[in-house]
Amino acid sequence: MLVGGGLVVRLWGRFDGRWGAPLAQGRLGQEMADGLPGIVRVAAVASALFLVWRMRRVPR
C-alpha cells in the first residue's frame, strides 16, 4: 500500500511537471502501466525485508 502511494505521488509530480517532463494529455494510464513492473518489484523487496526484520526480533 505504501509503495502504491509512492507511485501515485510520483505520477502526481510528473502530472504537474514538478519531477521531470510533464505527462502528455491522455498518457496517465500508459505511465501507470509502464511503472507497474518496477512497483511490484519494490513491493516484493519491501515485504521480504519486513518479514526478515520480524523474524529476527526476539519474542518477549
PDB file of N, CA and C in Angstrom:
ATOM      1  N   MET A   1       0.823  -1.174   0.000  1.00  0.00           N
ATOM      2  CA  MET A   1       0.000   0.000   0.000  1.00  0.00           C
ATOM      3  C   MET A   1       0.877   1.252   0.000  1.00  0.00           C
ATOM      4  N   LEU A   2       1.937   1.214   0.766  1.00  0.00           N
ATOM      5  CA  LEU A   2       2.851   2.350   0.824  1.00  0.00           C
ATOM      6  C   LEU A   2       3.547   2.553  -0.528  1.00  0.00           C
ATOM      7  N   VAL A   3       3.913   1.460  -1.173  1.00  0.00           N
ATOM      8  CA  VAL A   3       4.593   1.550  -2.464  1.00  0.00           C
ATOM      9  C   VAL A   3       3.632   2.075  -3.533  1.00  0.00           C
ATOM     10  N   GLY A   4       2.388   1.638  -3.480  1.00  0.00           N
ATOM     11  CA  GLY A   4       1.380   2.152  -4.414  1.00  0.00           C
ATOM     12  C   GLY A   4       1.149   3.638  -4.228  1.00  0.00           C
ATOM     13  N   GLY A   5       1.170   4.081  -2.977  1.00  0.00           N
ATOM     14  CA  GLY A   5       1.053   5.515  -2.701  1.00  0.00           C
ATOM     15  C   GLY A   5       2.224   6.291  -3.267  1.00  0.00           C
ATOM     16  N   GLY A   6       3.412   5.676  -3.225  1.00  0.00           N
ATOM     17  CA  GLY A   6       4.583   6.312  -3.828  1.00  0.00           C
ATOM     18  C   GLY A   6       4.437   6.493  -5.326  1.00  0.00           C
ATOM     19  N   LEU A   7       3.828   5.490  -5.974  1.00  0.00           N
ATOM     20  CA  LEU A   7       3.579   5.597  -7.421  1.00  0.00           C
ATOM     21  C   LEU A   7       2.620   6.741  -7.707  1.00  0.00           C
ATOM     22  N   VAL A   8       1.574   6.853  -6.900  1.00  0.00           N
ATOM     23  CA  VAL A   8       0.598   7.927  -7.105  1.00  0.00           C
ATOM     24  C   VAL A   8       1.250   9.298  -6.911  1.00  0.00           C
ATOM     25  N   VAL A   9       2.083   9.430  -5.895  1.00  0.00           N
ATOM     26  CA  VAL A   9       2.769  10.711  -5.650  1.00  0.00           C
ATOM     27  C   VAL A   9       3.720  11.031  -6.798  1.00  0.00           C
ATOM     28  N   ARG A  10       4.436  10.017  -7.291  1.00  0.00           N
ATOM     29  CA  ARG A  10       5.356  10.257  -8.404  1.00  0.00           C
ATOM     30  C   ARG A  10       4.604  10.695  -9.656  1.00  0.00           C
ATOM     31  N   LEU A  11       3.475  10.048  -9.941  1.00  0.00           N
ATOM     32  CA  LEU A  11       2.691  10.436 -11.116  1.00  0.00           C
ATOM     33  C   LEU A  11       2.070  11.813 -10.936  1.00  0.00           C
ATOM     34  N   TRP A  12       1.676  12.146  -9.704  1.00  0.00           N
ATOM     35  CA  TRP A  12       1.157  13.482  -9.442  1.00  0.00           C
ATOM     36  C   TRP A  12       2.233  14.531  -9.722  1.00  0.00           C
ATOM     37  N   GLY A  13       3.451  14.256  -9.284  1.00  0.00           N
ATOM     38  CA  GLY A  13       4.546  15.178  -9.540  1.00  0.00           C
ATOM     39  C   GLY A  13       4.856  15.316 -11.016  1.00  0.00           C
ATOM     40  N   ARG A  14       4.787  14.207 -11.731  1.00  0.00           N
ATOM     41  CA  ARG A  14       5.013  14.276 -13.186  1.00  0.00           C
ATOM     42  C   ARG A  14       3.868  14.996 -13.878  1.00  0.00           C
ATOM     43  N   PHE A  15       2.642  14.812 -13.385  1.00  0.00           N
ATOM     44  CA  PHE A  15       1.467  15.444 -13.988  1.00  0.00           C
ATOM     45  C   PHE A  15       1.580  16.962 -13.887  1.00  0.00           C
ATOM     46  N   ASP A  16       2.076  17.443 -12.755  1.00  0.00           N
ATOM     47  CA  ASP A  16       2.246  18.888 -12.560  1.00  0.00           C
ATOM     48  C   ASP A  16       3.558  19.418 -13.123  1.00  0.00           C
ATOM     49  N   GLY A  17       4.444  18.538 -13.574  1.00  0.00           N
ATOM     50  CA  GLY A  17       5.726  18.972 -14.104  1.00  0.00           C
ATOM     51  C   GLY A  17       6.747  19.270 -13.021  1.00  0.00           C
ATOM     52  N   ARG A  18       6.532  18.762 -11.805  1.00  0.00           N
ATOM     53  CA  ARG A  18       7.467  19.009 -10.704  1.00  0.00           C
ATOM     54  C   ARG A  18       8.717  18.140 -10.823  1.00  0.00           C
ATOM     55  N   TRP A  19       8.532  16.868 -11.195  1.00  0.00           N
ATOM     56  CA  TRP A  19       9.645  15.919 -11.279  1.00  0.00           C
ATOM     57  C   TRP A  19       9.719  15.380 -12.693  1.00  0.00           C
ATOM     58  N   GLY A  20      10.538  15.988 -13.507  1.00  0.00           N
ATOM     59  CA  GLY A  20      10.699  15.526 -14.880  1.00  0.00           C
ATOM     60  C   GLY A  20       9.728  16.213 -15.816  1.00  0.00           C
ATOM     61  N   ALA A  21       9.693  15.687 -17.011  1.00  0.00           N
ATOM     62  CA  ALA A  21       8.824  16.271 -18.035  1.00  0.00           C
ATOM     63  C   ALA A  21       7.360  16.028 -17.688  1.00  0.00           C
ATOM     64  N   PRO A  22       6.504  17.013 -17.908  1.00  0.00           N
ATOM     65  CA  PRO A  22       5.078  16.813 -17.625  1.00  0.00           C
ATOM     66  C   PRO A  22       4.490  15.728 -18.523  1.00  0.00           C
ATOM     67  N   LEU A  23       3.492  15.028 -17.991  1.00  0.00           N
ATOM     68  CA  LEU A  23       2.830  13.983 -18.770  1.00  0.00           C
ATOM     69  C   LEU A  23       1.977  14.614 -19.866  1.00  0.00           C
ATOM     70  N   ALA A  24       1.987  13.987 -21.014  1.00  0.00           N
ATOM     71  CA  ALA A  24       1.161  14.465 -22.114  1.00  0.00           C
ATOM     72  C   ALA A  24      -0.304  14.125 -21.836  1.00  0.00           C
ATOM     73  N   GLN A  25      -1.183  14.812 -22.472  1.00  0.00           N
ATOM     74  CA  GLN A  25      -2.617  14.580 -22.310  1.00  0.00           C
ATOM     75  C   GLN A  25      -2.971  13.145 -22.697  1.00  0.00           C
ATOM     76  N   GLY A  26      -3.654  12.432 -21.822  1.00  0.00           N
ATOM     77  CA  GLY A  26      -4.087  11.076 -22.103  1.00  0.00           C
ATOM     78  C   GLY A  26      -3.036  10.005 -21.872  1.00  0.00           C
ATOM     79  N   ARG A  27      -1.908  10.325 -21.260  1.00  0.00           N
ATOM     80  CA  ARG A  27      -0.821   9.355 -21.057  1.00  0.00           C
ATOM     81  C   ARG A  27      -0.757   8.813 -19.637  1.00  0.00           C
ATOM     82  N   LEU A  28      -1.660   9.223 -18.758  1.00  0.00           N
ATOM     83  CA  LEU A  28      -1.581   8.808 -17.369  1.00  0.00           C
ATOM     84  C   LEU A  28      -1.728   7.298 -17.227  1.00  0.00           C
ATOM     85  N   GLY A  29      -2.691   6.698 -17.910  1.00  0.00           N
ATOM     86  CA  GLY A  29      -2.882   5.253 -17.842  1.00  0.00           C
ATOM     87  C   GLY A  29      -1.682   4.489 -18.366  1.00  0.00           C
ATOM     88  N   GLN A  30      -1.090   4.954 -19.439  1.00  0.00           N
ATOM     89  CA  GLN A  30       0.089   4.296 -20.000  1.00  0.00           C
ATOM     90  C   GLN A  30       1.280   4.411 -19.066  1.00  0.00           C
ATOM     91  N   GLU A  31       1.448   5.558 -18.422  1.00  0.00           N
ATOM     92  CA  GLU A  31       2.544   5.739 -17.468  1.00  0.00           C
ATOM     93  C   GLU A  31       2.373   4.825 -16.258  1.00  0.00           C
ATOM     94  N   MET A  32       1.129   4.645 -15.803  1.00  0.00           N
ATOM     95  CA  MET A  32       0.870   3.726 -14.694  1.00  0.00           C
ATOM     96  C   MET A  32       1.207   2.297 -15.096  1.00  0.00           C
ATOM     97  N   ALA A  33       0.831   1.909 -16.293  1.00  0.00           N
ATOM     98  CA  ALA A  33       1.123   0.556 -16.771  1.00  0.00           C
ATOM     99  C   ALA A  33       2.627   0.352 -16.953  1.00  0.00           C
ATOM    100  N   ASP A  34       3.332   1.368 -17.392  1.00  0.00           N
ATOM    101  CA  ASP A  34       4.782   1.261 -17.567  1.00  0.00           C
ATOM    102  C   ASP A  34       5.511   1.151 -16.234  1.00  0.00           C
ATOM    103  N   GLY A  35       4.986   1.788 -15.202  1.00  0.00           N
ATOM    104  CA  GLY A  35       5.634   1.766 -13.899  1.00  0.00           C
ATOM    105  C   GLY A  35       5.275   0.564 -13.051  1.00  0.00           C
ATOM    106  N   LEU A  36       4.283  -0.203 -13.460  1.00  0.00           N
ATOM    107  CA  LEU A  36       3.794  -1.314 -12.653  1.00  0.00           C
ATOM    108  C   LEU A  36       4.833  -2.400 -12.375  1.00  0.00           C
ATOM    109  N   PRO A  37       5.617  -2.860 -13.336  1.00  0.00           N
ATOM    110  CA  PRO A  37       6.612  -3.907 -13.016  1.00  0.00           C
ATOM    111  C   PRO A  37       7.635  -3.457 -11.964  1.00  0.00           C
ATOM    112  N   GLY A  38       8.077  -2.238 -12.041  1.00  0.00           N
ATOM    113  CA  GLY A  38       9.027  -1.737 -11.054  1.00  0.00           C
ATOM    114  C   GLY A  38       8.398  -1.615  -9.672  1.00  0.00           C
ATOM    115  N   ILE A  39       7.149  -1.201  -9.632  1.00  0.00           N
ATOM    116  CA  ILE A  39       6.441  -1.067  -8.361  1.00  0.00           C
ATOM    117  C   ILE A  39       6.238  -2.434  -7.715  1.00  0.00           C
ATOM    118  N   VAL A  40       5.928  -3.440  -8.516  1.00  0.00           N
ATOM    119  CA  VAL A  40       5.751  -4.793  -7.979  1.00  0.00           C
ATOM    120  C   VAL A  40       7.069  -5.306  -7.405  1.00  0.00           C
ATOM    121  N   ARG A  41       8.170  -5.038  -8.069  1.00  0.00           N
ATOM    122  CA  ARG A  41       9.480  -5.458  -7.552  1.00  0.00           C
ATOM    123  C   ARG A  41       9.815  -4.763  -6.237  1.00  0.00           C
ATOM    124  N   VAL A  42       9.576  -3.466  -6.173  1.00  0.00           N
ATOM    125  CA  VAL A  42       9.857  -2.725  -4.941  1.00  0.00           C
ATOM    126  C   VAL A  42       8.983  -3.233  -3.804  1.00  0.00           C
ATOM    127  N   ALA A  43       7.712  -3.515  -4.082  1.00  0.00           N
ATOM    128  CA  ALA A  43       6.815  -4.031  -3.052  1.00  0.00           C
ATOM    129  C   ALA A  43       7.275  -5.405  -2.573  1.00  0.00           C
ATOM    130  N   ALA A  44       7.755  -6.250  -3.478  1.00  0.00           N
ATOM    131  CA  ALA A  44       8.230  -7.582  -3.090  1.00  0.00           C
ATOM    132  C   ALA A  44       9.469  -7.484  -2.199  1.00  0.00           C
ATOM    133  N   VAL A  45      10.398  -6.623  -2.549  1.00  0.00           N
ATOM    134  CA  VAL A  45      11.606  -6.457  -1.735  1.00  0.00           C
ATOM    135  C   VAL A  45      11.247  -5.868  -0.375  1.00  0.00           C
ATOM    136  N   ALA A  46      10.356  -4.896  -0.348  1.00  0.00           N
ATOM    137  CA  ALA A  46       9.946  -4.299   0.926  1.00  0.00           C
ATOM    138  C   ALA A  46       9.261  -5.336   1.816  1.00  0.00           C
ATOM    139  N   SER A  47       8.437  -6.192   1.228  1.00  0.00           N
ATOM    140  CA  SER A  47       7.776  -7.239   2.004  1.00  0.00           C
ATOM    141  C   SER A  47       8.788  -8.235   2.552  1.00  0.00           C
ATOM    142  N   ALA A  48       9.749  -8.619   1.734  1.00  0.00           N
ATOM    143  CA  ALA A  48      10.771  -9.566   2.187  1.00  0.00           C
ATOM    144  C   ALA A  48      11.606  -8.964   3.313  1.00  0.00           C
ATOM    145  N   LEU A  49      11.991  -7.705   3.189  1.00  0.00           N
ATOM    146  CA  LEU A  49      12.754  -7.052   4.251  1.00  0.00           C
ATOM    147  C   LEU A  49      11.949  -6.949   5.539  1.00  0.00           C
ATOM    148  N   PHE A  50      10.680  -6.648   5.428  1.00  0.00           N
ATOM    149  CA  PHE A  50       9.828  -6.581   6.607  1.00  0.00           C
ATOM    150  C   PHE A  50       9.736  -7.940   7.296  1.00  0.00           C
ATOM    151  N   LEU A  51       9.563  -9.014   6.509  1.00  0.00           N
ATOM    152  CA  LEU A  51       9.477 -10.346   7.103  1.00  0.00           C
ATOM    153  C   LEU A  51      10.785 -10.760   7.768  1.00  0.00           C
ATOM    154  N   VAL A  52      11.910 -10.436   7.163  1.00  0.00           N
ATOM    155  CA  VAL A  52      13.205 -10.746   7.773  1.00  0.00           C
ATOM    156  C   VAL A  52      13.364  -9.972   9.079  1.00  0.00           C
ATOM    157  N   TRP A  53      12.974  -8.707   9.081  1.00  0.00           N
ATOM    158  CA  TRP A  53      13.042  -7.902  10.294  1.00  0.00           C
ATOM    159  C   TRP A  53      12.173  -8.499  11.399  1.00  0.00           C
ATOM    160  N   ARG A  54      10.955  -8.931  11.061  1.00  0.00           N
ATOM    161  CA  ARG A  54      10.062  -9.506  12.059  1.00  0.00           C
ATOM    162  C   ARG A  54      10.567 -10.846  12.584  1.00  0.00           C
ATOM    163  N   MET A  55      11.212 -11.641  11.731  1.00  0.00           N
ATOM    164  CA  MET A  55      11.723 -12.937  12.168  1.00  0.00           C
ATOM    165  C   MET A  55      12.934 -12.773  13.084  1.00  0.00           C
ATOM    166  N   ARG A  56      13.689 -11.718  12.929  1.00  0.00           N
ATOM    167  CA  ARG A  56      14.897 -11.513  13.731  1.00  0.00           C
ATOM    168  C   ARG A  56      14.591 -10.952  15.112  1.00  0.00           C
ATOM    169  N   ARG A  57      13.398 -10.452  15.331  1.00  0.00           N
ATOM    170  CA  ARG A  57      13.039  -9.891  16.636  1.00  0.00           C
ATOM    171  C   ARG A  57      12.969 -11.008  17.666  1.00  0.00           C
ATOM    172  N   VAL A  58      13.419 -10.692  18.853  1.00  0.00           N
ATOM    173  CA  VAL A  58      13.385 -11.652  19.947  1.00  0.00           C
ATOM    174  C   VAL A  58      12.003 -11.603  20.601  1.00  0.00           C
ATOM    175  N   PRO A  59      11.308 -12.737  20.707  1.00  0.00           N
ATOM    176  CA  PRO A  59       9.992 -12.706  21.351  1.00  0.00           C
ATOM    177  C   PRO A  59      10.112 -12.408  22.837  1.00  0.00           C
ATOM    178  N   ARG A  60       9.145 -11.736  23.373  1.00  0.00           N
ATOM    179  CA  ARG A  60       9.177 -11.386  24.809  1.00  0.00           C
ATOM    180  C   ARG A  60       8.543 -12.456  25.638  1.00  0.00           C
TER     181      ARG A  60
END
